[in-house]
C-alpha atoms as a PDB file:
ATOM      1  CA  MET A   1       0.000   0.000   0.000  1.00  0.00           C
ATOM      2  CA  LYS A   2       2.835   2.359   0.786  1.00  0.00           C
ATOM      3  CA  LYS A   3       4.296   1.953  -2.725  1.00  0.00           C
ATOM      4  CA  ILE A   4       0.921   2.660  -4.316  1.00  0.00           C
ATOM      5  CA  LEU A   5       0.827   6.028  -2.600  1.00  0.00           C
ATOM      6  CA  LYS A   6       4.135   7.145  -4.099  1.00  0.00           C
ATOM      7  CA  TRP A   7       3.693  10.331  -6.136  1.00  0.00           C
ATOM      8  CA  TYR A   8       5.275   8.914  -9.296  1.00  0.00           C
ATOM      9  CA  LEU A   9       2.616   6.186  -9.355  1.00  0.00           C
ATOM     10  CA  LEU A  10      -0.325   8.167  -8.013  1.00  0.00           C
ATOM     11  CA  ILE A  11      -0.176  11.339 -10.137  1.00  0.00           C
ATOM     12  CA  PRO A  12      -0.480   9.677 -13.594  1.00  0.00           C
ATOM     13  CA  LEU A  13      -3.484   7.686 -12.332  1.00  0.00           C
ATOM     14  CA  LEU A  14      -5.106  10.811 -10.916  1.00  0.00           C
ATOM     15  CA  ALA A  15      -4.426  12.549 -14.226  1.00  0.00           C
ATOM     16  CA  PHE A  16      -6.265   9.796 -16.108  1.00  0.00           C
ATOM     17  CA  LEU A  17      -9.167  10.084 -13.673  1.00  0.00           C
ATOM     18  CA  ALA A  18      -9.302  13.853 -14.173  1.00  0.00           C
ATOM     19  CA  TYR A  19      -9.229  13.379 -17.948  1.00  0.00           C
ATOM     20  CA  PHE A  20     -12.099  10.885 -18.054  1.00  0.00           C
ATOM     21  CA  LEU A  21     -14.151  12.961 -15.577  1.00  0.00           C
ATOM     22  CA  ASN A  22     -13.611  16.014 -17.797  1.00  0.00           C
ATOM     23  CA  VAL A  23     -12.352  18.066 -14.867  1.00  0.00           C
ATOM     24  CA  PHE A  24     -10.930  20.662 -17.261  1.00  0.00           C
ATOM     25  CA  GLN A  25     -14.447  21.913 -17.958  1.00  0.00           C
ATOM     26  CA  LEU A  26     -14.850  23.025 -14.322  1.00  0.00           C
ATOM     27  CA  HIS A  27     -13.786  26.528 -15.284  1.00  0.00           C
ATOM     28  CA  LEU A  28     -10.676  28.017 -13.671  1.00  0.00           C
ATOM     29  CA  ALA A  29     -10.375  25.520 -10.804  1.00  0.00           C
ATOM     30  CA  GLY A  30     -10.547  22.568 -13.176  1.00  0.00           C
ATOM     31  CA  GLN A  31      -8.006  24.135 -15.524  1.00  0.00           C
ATOM     32  CA  ILE A  32      -5.569  24.690 -12.650  1.00  0.00           C
ATOM     33  CA  ILE A  33      -5.991  21.085 -11.465  1.00  0.00           C
ATOM     34  CA  VAL A  34      -5.432  19.666 -14.949  1.00  0.00           C
ATOM     35  CA  THR A  35      -2.374  21.869 -15.495  1.00  0.00           C
ATOM     36  CA  LEU A  36      -0.841  20.715 -12.187  1.00  0.00           C
ATOM     37  CA  LEU A  37      -1.557  17.071 -13.046  1.00  0.00           C
ATOM     38  CA  LEU A  38       0.016  17.614 -16.479  1.00  0.00           C
ATOM     39  CA  ILE A  39       3.205  18.954 -14.868  1.00  0.00           C
ATOM     40  CA  GLY A  40       3.202  16.094 -12.349  1.00  0.00           C
ATOM     41  CA  SER A  41       2.792  13.509 -15.126  1.00  0.00           C
ATOM     42  CA  ILE A  42       5.749  15.012 -16.999  1.00  0.00           C
ATOM     43  CA  LEU A  43       7.899  14.740 -13.858  1.00  0.00           C
ATOM     44  CA  ALA A  44       6.693  11.157 -13.352  1.00  0.00           C
ATOM     45  CA  ALA A  45       7.703  10.278 -16.918  1.00  0.00           C
ATOM     46  CA  VAL A  46      11.195  11.657 -16.279  1.00  0.00           C
ATOM     47  CA  PHE A  47      11.429   9.755 -12.996  1.00  0.00           C
ATOM     48  CA  HIS A  48      10.486   6.403 -14.558  1.00  0.00           C
ATOM     49  CA  SER A  49      12.753   6.973 -17.577  1.00  0.00           C
ATOM     50  CA  GLU A  50      15.719   7.509 -15.249  1.00  0.00           C
ATOM     51  CA  LEU A  51      14.868   4.336 -13.326  1.00  0.00           C
ATOM     52  CA  ILE A  52      14.775   2.410 -16.602  1.00  0.00           C
ATOM     53  CA  ALA A  53      18.019   3.988 -17.817  1.00  0.00           C
ATOM     54  CA  HIS A  54      19.758   2.981 -14.586  1.00  0.00           C
ATOM     55  CA  LYS A  55      18.572  -0.630 -14.890  1.00  0.00           C
ATOM     56  CA  VAL A  56      19.144  -1.253 -18.607  1.00  0.00           C
ATOM     57  CA  GLY A  57      22.192   0.998 -19.014  1.00  0.00           C
ATOM     58  CA  GLU A  58      23.052   3.383 -21.817  1.00  0.00           C
ATOM     59  CA  PRO A  59      22.280   3.927 -24.584  1.00  0.00           C
ATOM     60  CA  PHE A  60      19.153   1.777 -24.137  1.00  0.00           C
ATOM     61  CA  GLY A  61      17.678   4.044 -21.465  1.00  0.00           C
ATOM     62  CA  THR A  62      17.726   7.148 -23.648  1.00  0.00           C
ATOM     63  CA  ILE A  63      16.397   5.174 -26.632  1.00  0.00           C
ATOM     64  CA  ILE A  64      13.403   3.949 -24.620  1.00  0.00           C
ATOM     65  CA  LEU A  65      12.427   7.476 -23.603  1.00  0.00           C
ATOM     66  CA  ALA A  66      13.020   8.954 -27.072  1.00  0.00           C
ATOM     67  CA  VAL A  67      11.040   6.249 -28.893  1.00  0.00           C
ATOM     68  CA  SER A  68       8.228   6.287 -26.309  1.00  0.00           C
ATOM     69  CA  VAL A  69       7.706  10.038 -26.650  1.00  0.00           C
ATOM     70  CA  THR A  70       7.885   9.829 -30.448  1.00  0.00           C
ATOM     71  CA  VAL A  71       5.359   6.995 -30.653  1.00  0.00           C
ATOM     72  CA  ILE A  72       2.894   8.982 -28.550  1.00  0.00           C
ATOM     73  CA  GLU A  73       3.552  12.070 -30.687  1.00  0.00           C
ATOM     74  CA  VAL A  74       2.902  10.051 -33.840  1.00  0.00           C
ATOM     75  CA  ALA A  75      -0.375   8.768 -32.391  1.00  0.00           C
ATOM     76  CA  LEU A  76      -1.490  12.339 -31.698  1.00  0.00           C
ATOM     77  CA  ILE A  77      -0.613  13.486 -35.231  1.00  0.00           C
ATOM     78  CA  ILE A  78      -2.390  10.521 -36.826  1.00  0.00           C
ATOM     79  CA  SER A  79      -5.534  11.065 -34.748  1.00  0.00           C
ATOM     80  CA  LEU A  80      -5.669  14.713 -35.848  1.00  0.00           C
ATOM     81  CA  MET A  81      -5.008  13.781 -39.479  1.00  0.00           C
ATOM     82  CA  LEU A  82      -7.840  11.254 -39.510  1.00  0.00           C
ATOM     83  CA  ALA A  83     -10.154  13.852 -37.955  1.00  0.00           C
ATOM     84  CA  GLY A  84      -9.801  15.731 -41.238  1.00  0.00           C
ATOM     85  CA  GLY A  85      -9.785  19.397 -42.082  1.00  0.00           C
ATOM     86  CA  ASP A  86      -7.705  21.612 -44.356  1.00  0.00           C
ATOM     87  CA  LYS A  87      -5.205  22.402 -41.593  1.00  0.00           C
ATOM     88  CA  THR A  88      -4.000  18.792 -41.450  1.00  0.00           C
ATOM     89  CA  ILE A  89      -2.206  19.172 -44.791  1.00  0.00           C
ATOM     90  CA  TYR A  90       0.694  20.890 -42.980  1.00  0.00           C
ATOM     91  CA  LEU A  91       0.231  19.245 -39.572  1.00  0.00           C
ATOM     92  CA  ALA A  92       2.913  16.545 -39.795  1.00  0.00           C
ATOM     93  CA  ARG A  93       5.484  18.874 -41.334  1.00  0.00           C
ATOM     94  CA  ASP A  94       4.943  21.680 -38.839  1.00  0.00           C
ATOM     95  CA  THR A  95       4.913  19.370 -35.821  1.00  0.00           C
ATOM     96  CA  VAL A  96       8.050  17.506 -36.853  1.00  0.00           C
ATOM     97  CA  PHE A  97       9.877  20.720 -37.719  1.00  0.00           C
ATOM     98  CA  ALA A  98       8.927  22.326 -34.389  1.00  0.00           C
ATOM     99  CA  ALA A  99      10.070  19.213 -32.499  1.00  0.00           C
ATOM    100  CA  VAL A 100      13.412  19.131 -34.308  1.00  0.00           C
ATOM    101  CA  MET A 101      14.027  22.845 -33.721  1.00  0.00           C
ATOM    102  CA  ILE A 102      13.201  22.493 -30.016  1.00  0.00           C
ATOM    103  CA  LEU A 103      15.486  19.486 -29.637  1.00  0.00           C
ATOM    104  CA  LEU A 104      18.432  20.918 -31.575  1.00  0.00           C
ATOM    105  CA  THR A 105      18.312  24.496 -30.283  1.00  0.00           C
ATOM    106  CA  VAL A 106      16.535  24.751 -26.927  1.00  0.00           C
ATOM    107  CA  ILE A 107      17.353  21.383 -25.368  1.00  0.00           C
ATOM    108  CA  ILE A 108      20.921  20.998 -26.655  1.00  0.00           C
ATOM    109  CA  GLY A 109      21.499  24.721 -26.118  1.00  0.00           C
ATOM    110  CA  LEU A 110      20.321  24.622 -22.496  1.00  0.00           C
ATOM    111  CA  CYS A 111      22.312  21.440 -21.805  1.00  0.00           C
ATOM    112  CA  ILE A 112      25.511  23.036 -23.139  1.00  0.00           C
ATOM    113  CA  LEU A 113      24.813  26.370 -21.427  1.00  0.00           C
ATOM    114  CA  ILE A 114      23.965  24.916 -18.005  1.00  0.00           C
ATOM    115  CA  GLY A 115      26.607  22.205 -18.149  1.00  0.00           C
ATOM    116  CA  SER A 116      29.345  24.609 -19.259  1.00  0.00           C
ATOM    117  CA  TYR A 117      28.353  27.199 -16.660  1.00  0.00           C
ATOM    118  CA  LYS A 118      28.543  24.643 -13.854  1.00  0.00           C
ATOM    119  CA  HIS A 119      31.497  22.523 -15.036  1.00  0.00           C
ATOM    120  CA  PHE A 120      33.306  24.974 -17.383  1.00  0.00           C
ATOM    121  CA  GLU A 121      33.903  22.334 -20.083  1.00  0.00           C
ATOM    122  CA  GLN A 122      32.265  18.970 -20.661  1.00  0.00           C
ATOM    123  CA  VAL A 123      33.675  16.187 -22.792  1.00  0.00           C
ATOM    124  CA  PHE A 124      31.763  13.800 -25.042  1.00  0.00           C
ATOM    125  CA  GLN A 125      32.610  11.278 -27.739  1.00  0.00           C
ATOM    126  CA  LYS A 126      32.808  12.881 -31.180  1.00  0.00           C
ATOM    127  CA  LYS A 127      32.129   9.532 -32.831  1.00  0.00           C
ATOM    128  CA  SER A 128      28.651   9.332 -31.308  1.00  0.00           C
ATOM    129  CA  VAL A 129      27.772  12.884 -32.352  1.00  0.00           C
ATOM    130  CA  ASN A 130      29.097  12.425 -35.891  1.00  0.00           C
ATOM    131  CA  THR A 131      27.141   9.177 -36.263  1.00  0.00           C
ATOM    132  CA  ALA A 132      23.913  10.835 -35.144  1.00  0.00           C
ATOM    133  CA  LEU A 133      24.403  14.041 -37.145  1.00  0.00           C
ATOM    134  CA  VAL A 134      25.207  12.372 -40.463  1.00  0.00           C
ATOM    135  CA  SER A 135      22.036  10.288 -40.082  1.00  0.00           C
ATOM    136  CA  LEU A 136      20.014  13.341 -39.071  1.00  0.00           C
ATOM    137  CA  VAL A 137      21.199  15.527 -41.952  1.00  0.00           C
ATOM    138  CA  ALA A 138      20.331  12.833 -44.503  1.00  0.00           C
ATOM    139  CA  ILE A 139      16.859  12.259 -43.054  1.00  0.00           C
ATOM    140  CA  LEU A 140      16.082  15.982 -42.759  1.00  0.00           C
ATOM    141  CA  VAL A 141      17.051  16.750 -46.361  1.00  0.00           C
ATOM    142  CA  LEU A 142      15.248  13.719 -47.814  1.00  0.00           C
ATOM    143  CA  SER A 143      12.020  14.275 -45.860  1.00  0.00           C
ATOM    144  CA  LEU A 144      11.686  18.067 -45.455  1.00  0.00           C
ATOM    145  CA  ILE A 145      13.692  19.605 -48.328  1.00  0.00           C
ATOM    146  CA  LEU A 146      13.644  17.187 -51.289  1.00  0.00           C
ATOM    147  CA  PRO A 147       9.785  17.051 -51.502  1.00  0.00           C
ATOM    148  CA  ASN A 148       9.880  20.720 -52.594  1.00  0.00           C
ATOM    149  CA  PHE A 149      11.650  19.708 -55.799  1.00  0.00           C
ATOM    150  CA  VAL A 150      10.298  16.217 -56.566  1.00  0.00           C
ATOM    151  CA  GLY A 151       6.643  15.416 -57.241  1.00  0.00           C
ATOM    152  CA  ASN A 152       5.186  18.571 -55.733  1.00  0.00           C
ATOM    153  CA  GLU A 153       2.925  19.217 -58.745  1.00  0.00           C
ATOM    154  CA  ASP A 154       1.912  15.704 -59.816  1.00  0.00           C
ATOM    155  CA  PRO A 155      -0.201  13.765 -57.228  1.00  0.00           C
ATOM    156  CA  GLU A 156       1.166  10.394 -58.394  1.00  0.00           C
ATOM    157  CA  ASN A 157       4.763  11.565 -58.185  1.00  0.00           C
ATOM    158  CA  ASN A 158       4.013  13.120 -54.798  1.00  0.00           C
ATOM    159  CA  THR A 159       2.766   9.756 -53.528  1.00  0.00           C
ATOM    160  CA  ALA A 160       5.871   8.044 -54.876  1.00  0.00           C
ATOM    161  CA  MET A 161       8.033  10.701 -53.190  1.00  0.00           C
ATOM    162  CA  LEU A 162       6.233  10.184 -49.864  1.00  0.00           C
ATOM    163  CA  LEU A 163       6.701   6.422 -49.978  1.00  0.00           C
ATOM    164  CA  PHE A 164      10.329   6.730 -51.047  1.00  0.00           C
ATOM    165  CA  ALA A 165      11.086   9.171 -48.212  1.00  0.00           C
ATOM    166  CA  ALA A 166       9.276   6.901 -45.748  1.00  0.00           C
ATOM    167  CA  VAL A 167      11.294   3.823 -46.700  1.00  0.00           C
ATOM    168  CA  ILE A 168      14.613   5.684 -46.728  1.00  0.00           C
ATOM    169  CA  CYS A 169      13.904   7.260 -43.314  1.00  0.00           C
ATOM    170  CA  LEU A 170      13.123   3.854 -41.827  1.00  0.00           C
ATOM    171  CA  ILE A 171      16.283   2.318 -43.285  1.00  0.00           C
ATOM    172  CA  ILE A 172      18.518   5.110 -41.971  1.00  0.00           C
ATOM    173  CA  TYR A 173      16.895   5.173 -38.531  1.00  0.00           C
ATOM    174  CA  ALA A 174      16.969   1.373 -38.160  1.00  0.00           C
ATOM    175  CA  THR A 175      20.640   1.302 -39.146  1.00  0.00           C
ATOM    176  CA  PHE A 176      21.415   4.068 -36.647  1.00  0.00           C
ATOM    177  CA  ILE A 177      19.712   2.102 -33.850  1.00  0.00           C
ATOM    178  CA  TYR A 178      21.731  -1.000 -34.821  1.00  0.00           C
ATOM    179  CA  VAL A 179      24.958   1.008 -34.698  1.00  0.00           C
ATOM    180  CA  GLN A 180      23.985   2.674 -31.416  1.00  0.00           C
ATOM    181  CA  THR A 181      22.986  -0.519 -29.610  1.00  0.00           C
ATOM    182  CA  ARG A 182      25.156  -3.235 -31.131  1.00  0.00           C
ATOM    183  CA  ARG A 183      27.949  -2.593 -33.600  1.00  0.00           C
ATOM    184  CA  HIS A 184      29.394   0.634 -32.109  1.00  0.00           C
ATOM    185  CA  ARG A 185      27.645   0.853 -28.761  1.00  0.00           C
ATOM    186  CA  ASP A 186      30.880   2.072 -27.137  1.00  0.00           C
ATOM    187  CA  TYR A 187      30.524   5.370 -29.051  1.00  0.00           C
ATOM    188  CA  PHE A 188      27.468   6.302 -26.982  1.00  0.00           C
ATOM    189  CA  ILE A 189      28.524   5.231 -23.484  1.00  0.00           C
ATOM    190  CA  THR A 190      29.859   7.784 -21.048  1.00  0.00           C
ATOM    191  CA  GLU A 191      33.084   6.929 -19.261  1.00  0.00           C
ATOM    192  CA  ARG A 192      31.882   8.086 -15.847  1.00  0.00           C
ATOM    193  CA  GLU A 193      29.415   6.050 -13.830  1.00  0.00           C
ATOM    194  CA  ASN A 194      26.070   7.791 -13.493  1.00  0.00           C
ATOM    195  CA  GLN A 195      24.781   8.045  -9.958  1.00  0.00           C
ATOM    196  CA  HIS A 196      21.046   8.451 -10.196  1.00  0.00           C
ATOM    197  CA  GLU A 197      19.155   9.956  -7.319  1.00  0.00           C
ATOM    198  CA  GLU A 198      16.475   7.337  -7.829  1.00  0.00           C
ATOM    199  CA  GLU A 199      18.747   4.305  -7.327  1.00  0.00           C
ATOM    200  CA  HIS A 200      17.252   3.627  -3.889  1.00  0.00           C
ATOM    201  CA  VAL A 201      13.809   2.986  -5.438  1.00  0.00           C
ATOM    202  CA  SER A 202      13.104  -0.718  -5.670  1.00  0.00           C
ATOM    203  CA  MET A 203      10.674  -1.327  -8.519  1.00  0.00           C
ATOM    204  CA  PRO A 204      10.461  -4.033 -11.227  1.00  0.00           C
ATOM    205  CA  ILE A 205      11.436  -2.670 -14.619  1.00  0.00           C
ATOM    206  CA  TYR A 206       8.119  -3.688 -16.177  1.00  0.00           C
ATOM    207  CA  ILE A 207       6.305  -1.443 -13.670  1.00  0.00           C
ATOM    208  CA  SER A 208       8.545   1.477 -14.618  1.00  0.00           C
ATOM    209  CA  LEU A 209       7.957   0.786 -18.328  1.00  0.00           C
ATOM    210  CA  LEU A 210       4.202   0.624 -17.780  1.00  0.00           C
ATOM    211  CA  PHE A 211       4.063   3.883 -15.834  1.00  0.00           C
ATOM    212  CA  LEU A 212       6.403   5.597 -18.302  1.00  0.00           C
ATOM    213  CA  LEU A 213       3.913   4.754 -21.047  1.00  0.00           C
ATOM    214  CA  VAL A 214       0.956   5.763 -18.859  1.00  0.00           C
ATOM    215  CA  SER A 215       2.605   9.083 -18.003  1.00  0.00           C
ATOM    216  CA  LEU A 216       3.424   9.876 -21.641  1.00  0.00           C
ATOM    217  CA  VAL A 217      -0.069   8.956 -22.840  1.00  0.00           C
ATOM    218  CA  ILE A 218      -1.781  11.169 -20.283  1.00  0.00           C
ATOM    219  CA  VAL A 219       0.615  14.033 -21.073  1.00  0.00           C
ATOM    220  CA  VAL A 220      -0.541  13.920 -24.697  1.00  0.00           C
ATOM    221  CA  LEU A 221      -4.214  13.533 -23.768  1.00  0.00           C
ATOM    222  CA  LEU A 222      -4.110  16.470 -21.360  1.00  0.00           C
ATOM    223  CA  ALA A 223      -2.119  18.558 -23.844  1.00  0.00           C
ATOM    224  CA  LYS A 224      -4.791  17.827 -26.441  1.00  0.00           C
ATOM    225  CA  THR A 225      -7.486  18.760 -23.888  1.00  0.00           C
ATOM    226  CA  ILE A 226      -6.027  22.158 -23.064  1.00  0.00           C
ATOM    227  CA  SER A 227      -5.041  22.962 -26.665  1.00  0.00           C
ATOM    228  CA  PRO A 228      -8.421  24.577 -27.611  1.00  0.00           C
ATOM    229  CA  THR A 229      -8.087  26.973 -24.669  1.00  0.00           C
ATOM    230  CA  ILE A 230      -4.500  27.791 -25.645  1.00  0.00           C
ATOM    231  CA  GLU A 231      -5.550  28.231 -29.275  1.00  0.00           C
ATOM    232  CA  LYS A 232      -8.324  30.632 -28.241  1.00  0.00           C
ATOM    233  CA  ILE A 233      -5.849  32.688 -26.202  1.00  0.00           C
ATOM    234  CA  ILE A 234      -3.420  32.749 -29.149  1.00  0.00           C
ATOM    235  CA  LEU A 235      -6.119  33.915 -31.567  1.00  0.00           C
ATOM    236  CA  ASP A 236      -7.468  36.487 -29.112  1.00  0.00           C
ATOM    237  CA  LEU A 237      -3.968  37.952 -28.858  1.00  0.00           C
ATOM    238  CA  GLY A 238      -3.701  38.107 -32.639  1.00  0.00           C
ATOM    239  CA  LEU A 239      -0.868  35.562 -32.814  1.00  0.00           C
ATOM    240  CA  PRO A 240      -0.472  33.003 -35.658  1.00  0.00           C
ATOM    241  CA  ALA A 241      -2.322  29.709 -35.155  1.00  0.00           C
ATOM    242  CA  SER A 242       0.862  27.754 -35.993  1.00  0.00           C
ATOM    243  CA  LEU A 243       2.221  28.797 -32.591  1.00  0.00           C
ATOM    244  CA  LEU A 244      -0.071  26.180 -31.040  1.00  0.00           C
ATOM    245  CA  GLY A 245       1.989  23.391 -32.607  1.00  0.00           C
ATOM    246  CA  VAL A 246       5.151  24.741 -31.011  1.00  0.00           C
ATOM    247  CA  ILE A 247       3.475  24.932 -27.593  1.00  0.00           C
ATOM    248  CA  ILE A 248       2.082  21.389 -27.797  1.00  0.00           C
ATOM    249  CA  ALA A 249       5.419  20.039 -29.071  1.00  0.00           C
ATOM    250  CA  SER A 250       7.156  21.760 -26.170  1.00  0.00           C
ATOM    251  CA  VAL A 251       4.829  20.091 -23.661  1.00  0.00           C
ATOM    252  CA  ILE A 252       5.292  16.657 -25.228  1.00  0.00           C
ATOM    253  CA  LEU A 253       9.096  17.054 -25.281  1.00  0.00           C
ATOM    254  CA  LEU A 254       9.343  18.281 -21.672  1.00  0.00           C
ATOM    255  CA  PRO A 255      10.181  14.808 -20.264  1.00  0.00           C
ATOM    256  CA  GLU A 256      13.157  14.549 -22.622  1.00  0.00           C
ATOM    257  CA  ALA A 257      14.209  18.129 -21.919  1.00  0.00           C
ATOM    258  CA  ILE A 258      14.193  17.639 -18.143  1.00  0.00           C
ATOM    259  CA  ALA A 259      16.063  14.333 -18.380  1.00  0.00           C
ATOM    260  CA  ALA A 260      18.708  15.828 -20.710  1.00  0.00           C
ATOM    261  CA  ILE A 261      19.252  18.940 -18.574  1.00  0.00           C
ATOM    262  CA  LYS A 262      19.522  16.871 -15.373  1.00  0.00           C
ATOM    263  CA  ALA A 263      22.213  14.744 -17.036  1.00  0.00           C
ATOM    264  CA  ALA A 264      24.135  17.864 -18.109  1.00  0.00           C
ATOM    265  CA  ARG A 265      24.011  19.228 -14.558  1.00  0.00           C
ATOM    266  CA  LYS A 266      25.536  15.949 -13.370  1.00  0.00           C
ATOM    267  CA  ASP A 267      28.427  16.461 -15.824  1.00  0.00           C
ATOM    268  CA  ASP A 268      27.074  13.760 -18.144  1.00  0.00           C
ATOM    269  CA  ILE A 269      26.725  15.686 -21.403  1.00  0.00           C
ATOM    270  CA  GLN A 270      27.099  12.442 -23.360  1.00  0.00           C
ATOM    271  CA  THR A 271      23.716  11.226 -22.127  1.00  0.00           C
ATOM    272  CA  SER A 272      22.207  14.645 -22.861  1.00  0.00           C
ATOM    273  CA  LEU A 273      23.416  14.512 -26.471  1.00  0.00           C
ATOM    274  CA  ASN A 274      22.381  10.873 -26.874  1.00  0.00           C
ATOM    275  CA  LEU A 275      18.860  11.812 -25.809  1.00  0.00           C
ATOM    276  CA  SER A 276      18.577  15.052 -27.807  1.00  0.00           C
ATOM    277  CA  LEU A 277      20.056  13.814 -31.088  1.00  0.00           C
ATOM    278  CA  GLY A 278      18.408  10.407 -30.745  1.00  0.00           C
ATOM    279  CA  SER A 279      15.029  12.055 -30.171  1.00  0.00           C
ATOM    280  CA  SER A 280      15.544  14.263 -33.233  1.00  0.00           C
ATOM    281  CA  LEU A 281      16.222  11.185 -35.330  1.00  0.00           C
ATOM    282  CA  ALA A 282      13.206   9.381 -33.881  1.00  0.00           C
ATOM    283  CA  ALA A 283      10.987  12.426 -34.487  1.00  0.00           C
ATOM    284  CA  ILE A 284      11.816  12.223 -38.204  1.00  0.00           C
ATOM    285  CA  GLY A 285      12.655   8.562 -38.729  1.00  0.00           C
ATOM    286  CA  LEU A 286       9.440   7.260 -37.149  1.00  0.00           C
ATOM    287  CA  THR A 287       6.972  10.103 -37.715  1.00  0.00           C
ATOM    288  CA  ILE A 288       7.515  10.723 -41.425  1.00  0.00           C
ATOM    289  CA  PRO A 289       7.143   7.050 -42.493  1.00  0.00           C
ATOM    290  CA  THR A 290       4.017   6.624 -40.362  1.00  0.00           C
ATOM    291  CA  VAL A 291       2.220   9.734 -41.612  1.00  0.00           C
ATOM    292  CA  ALA A 292       3.280   8.957 -45.187  1.00  0.00           C
ATOM    293  CA  PHE A 293       1.793   5.457 -45.080  1.00  0.00           C
ATOM    294  CA  VAL A 294      -1.386   6.731 -43.378  1.00  0.00           C
ATOM    295  CA  SER A 295      -1.794   9.535 -45.908  1.00  0.00           C
ATOM    296  CA  VAL A 296      -1.506   7.087 -48.808  1.00  0.00           C
ATOM    297  CA  LEU A 297      -3.775   4.504 -47.148  1.00  0.00           C
ATOM    298  CA  PHE A 298      -6.569   6.973 -46.343  1.00  0.00           C
ATOM    299  CA  ASP A 299      -5.949   9.277 -49.332  1.00  0.00           C
ATOM    300  CA  ILE A 300      -5.056  12.277 -47.158  1.00  0.00           C
ATOM    301  CA  ASP A 301      -3.148  15.127 -48.784  1.00  0.00           C
ATOM    302  CA  ILE A 302      -0.060  16.219 -46.848  1.00  0.00           C
ATOM    303  CA  ILE A 303       2.846  18.530 -47.638  1.00  0.00           C
ATOM    304  CA  LEU A 304       6.281  17.779 -46.185  1.00  0.00           C
ATOM    305  CA  GLY A 305       8.502  20.361 -47.878  1.00  0.00           C
ATOM    306  CA  LEU A 306       9.459  23.384 -45.779  1.00  0.00           C
ATOM    307  CA  ASP A 307       9.106  26.924 -47.065  1.00  0.00           C
ATOM    308  CA  SER A 308      12.233  28.933 -47.865  1.00  0.00           C
ATOM    309  CA  ILE A 309      12.533  30.689 -44.474  1.00  0.00           C
ATOM    310  CA  ASN A 310      12.150  27.533 -42.417  1.00  0.00           C
ATOM    311  CA  GLY A 311      14.447  25.657 -44.789  1.00  0.00           C
ATOM    312  CA  LEU A 312      17.092  28.322 -44.253  1.00  0.00           C
ATOM    313  CA  LEU A 313      16.655  28.167 -40.461  1.00  0.00           C
ATOM    314  CA  LEU A 314      16.872  24.375 -40.493  1.00  0.00           C
ATOM    315  CA  GLY A 315      20.089  24.460 -42.525  1.00  0.00           C
ATOM    316  CA  LEU A 316      21.625  27.114 -40.266  1.00  0.00           C
ATOM    317  CA  THR A 317      20.619  25.163 -37.150  1.00  0.00           C
ATOM    318  CA  VAL A 318      22.102  21.872 -38.331  1.00  0.00           C
ATOM    319  CA  PHE A 319      25.295  23.607 -39.512  1.00  0.00           C
ATOM    320  CA  THR A 320      25.660  25.383 -36.146  1.00  0.00           C
ATOM    321  CA  VAL A 321      25.078  22.180 -34.187  1.00  0.00           C
ATOM    322  CA  MET A 322      27.705  20.388 -36.298  1.00  0.00           C
ATOM    323  CA  LEU A 323      30.264  23.136 -35.660  1.00  0.00           C
ATOM    324  CA  SER A 324      29.387  23.333 -31.946  1.00  0.00           C
ATOM    325  CA  LEU A 325      29.892  19.601 -31.447  1.00  0.00           C
ATOM    326  CA  SER A 326      32.868  19.111 -33.763  1.00  0.00           C
ATOM    327  CA  LYS A 327      35.597  19.352 -31.083  1.00  0.00           C
ATOM    328  CA  GLY A 328      34.262  16.915 -28.503  1.00  0.00           C
ATOM    329  CA  ARG A 329      34.097  19.673 -25.850  1.00  0.00           C
ATOM    330  CA  THR A 330      31.349  22.070 -24.879  1.00  0.00           C
ATOM    331  CA  ASN A 331      31.598  25.846 -24.694  1.00  0.00           C
ATOM    332  CA  ILE A 332      29.075  28.178 -23.092  1.00  0.00           C
ATOM    333  CA  LEU A 333      29.034  30.275 -26.294  1.00  0.00           C
ATOM    334  CA  TYR A 334      27.639  27.344 -28.300  1.00  0.00           C
ATOM    335  CA  GLY A 335      24.696  27.052 -25.940  1.00  0.00           C
ATOM    336  CA  VAL A 336      23.894  30.777 -26.174  1.00  0.00           C
ATOM    337  CA  ILE A 337      24.020  30.719 -29.994  1.00  0.00           C
ATOM    338  CA  LEU A 338      21.698  27.706 -30.232  1.00  0.00           C
ATOM    339  CA  ILE A 339      19.153  29.341 -27.940  1.00  0.00           C
ATOM    340  CA  CYS A 340      19.371  32.500 -30.060  1.00  0.00           C
ATOM    341  CA  LEU A 341      18.528  30.387 -33.127  1.00  0.00           C
ATOM    342  CA  PHE A 342      15.358  29.191 -31.414  1.00  0.00           C
ATOM    343  CA  ALA A 343      14.485  32.805 -30.613  1.00  0.00           C
ATOM    344  CA  THR A 344      14.939  33.534 -34.326  1.00  0.00           C
ATOM    345  CA  PHE A 345      12.623  30.631 -35.190  1.00  0.00           C
ATOM    346  CA  ILE A 346       9.915  32.052 -32.894  1.00  0.00           C
ATOM    347  CA  PHE A 347      10.470  35.570 -34.276  1.00  0.00           C
ATOM    348  CA  THR A 348       9.966  34.416 -37.883  1.00  0.00           C
ATOM    349  CA  LEU A 349       6.914  32.435 -36.763  1.00  0.00           C
ATOM    350  CA  LEU A 350       5.356  35.529 -35.202  1.00  0.00           C
ATOM    351  CA  ASN A 351       6.440  37.801 -38.075  1.00  0.00           C
ATOM    352  CA  PRO A 352       5.954  35.772 -41.273  1.00  0.00           C
END
């Protein structure tokens, strides 16, 4: 009974109860309760992911969290696509792009900034970063840039382009996972032993996996519940509707952000980069193939190619990340620049 009352088990269950009872509709009090339960569920997801990472070791722990969040994100995108509407034509592209920009600029930027401020310099394996970045650059160009030039006028060629991009993304991502977990696993393992604060918690790994999934699912459900209210506020303030996608993506990625920043504070920047770059790859390598197959199966029109401004920002972001991580050591300047790039992304979003 004592274990059942632990906050990291109780809060996700209470959040599900609040969701099914539609507590959010109880005006201001209900909205405050749901928001607090959403924050608690995010913290619970981070807690269980760290327990899993400690038990299975790296890089499997970061992969589990990254893939779990991405699968839930994909489910949310697919549900909105099937609901229909003209806005869904850009939904997958905008969501994936926002997620990648958040991961590459905000999360990596904060990890470098906080880690460098506290520890001056942090060391990581260049081989792991190079492996992730070369995979990421290929997937980004093939899925978000190439569709602007191939099959964008002919529906049949567009379908062929979607399927081609989907297959290529899956092949690259699957190969990266094989390299990360088997063939070159040593690239992604930090030399120092991580001492997790949660090591004293005695819990079977299948319970942690179950509650990680429960926490992530309820985070998405609650985020979807509060999104109409956020959208109304955005429209009332005269802001672009596309800002909603950035806000929802930020909420969904909070578990990964907290886990990555905590690792950086513990002088474990390797785990932070594994999680951030791995999540970026998962966001593209799993989302694009899924939405492509669904769009073809249900005859849903989608557009993947970025416009010129976002394409430029994506190229600048990837180039800056590659330069920042090319030496195997962090520098507080790199973190500041990456965060400034995210500020630029938001500025161009608000001033199209």
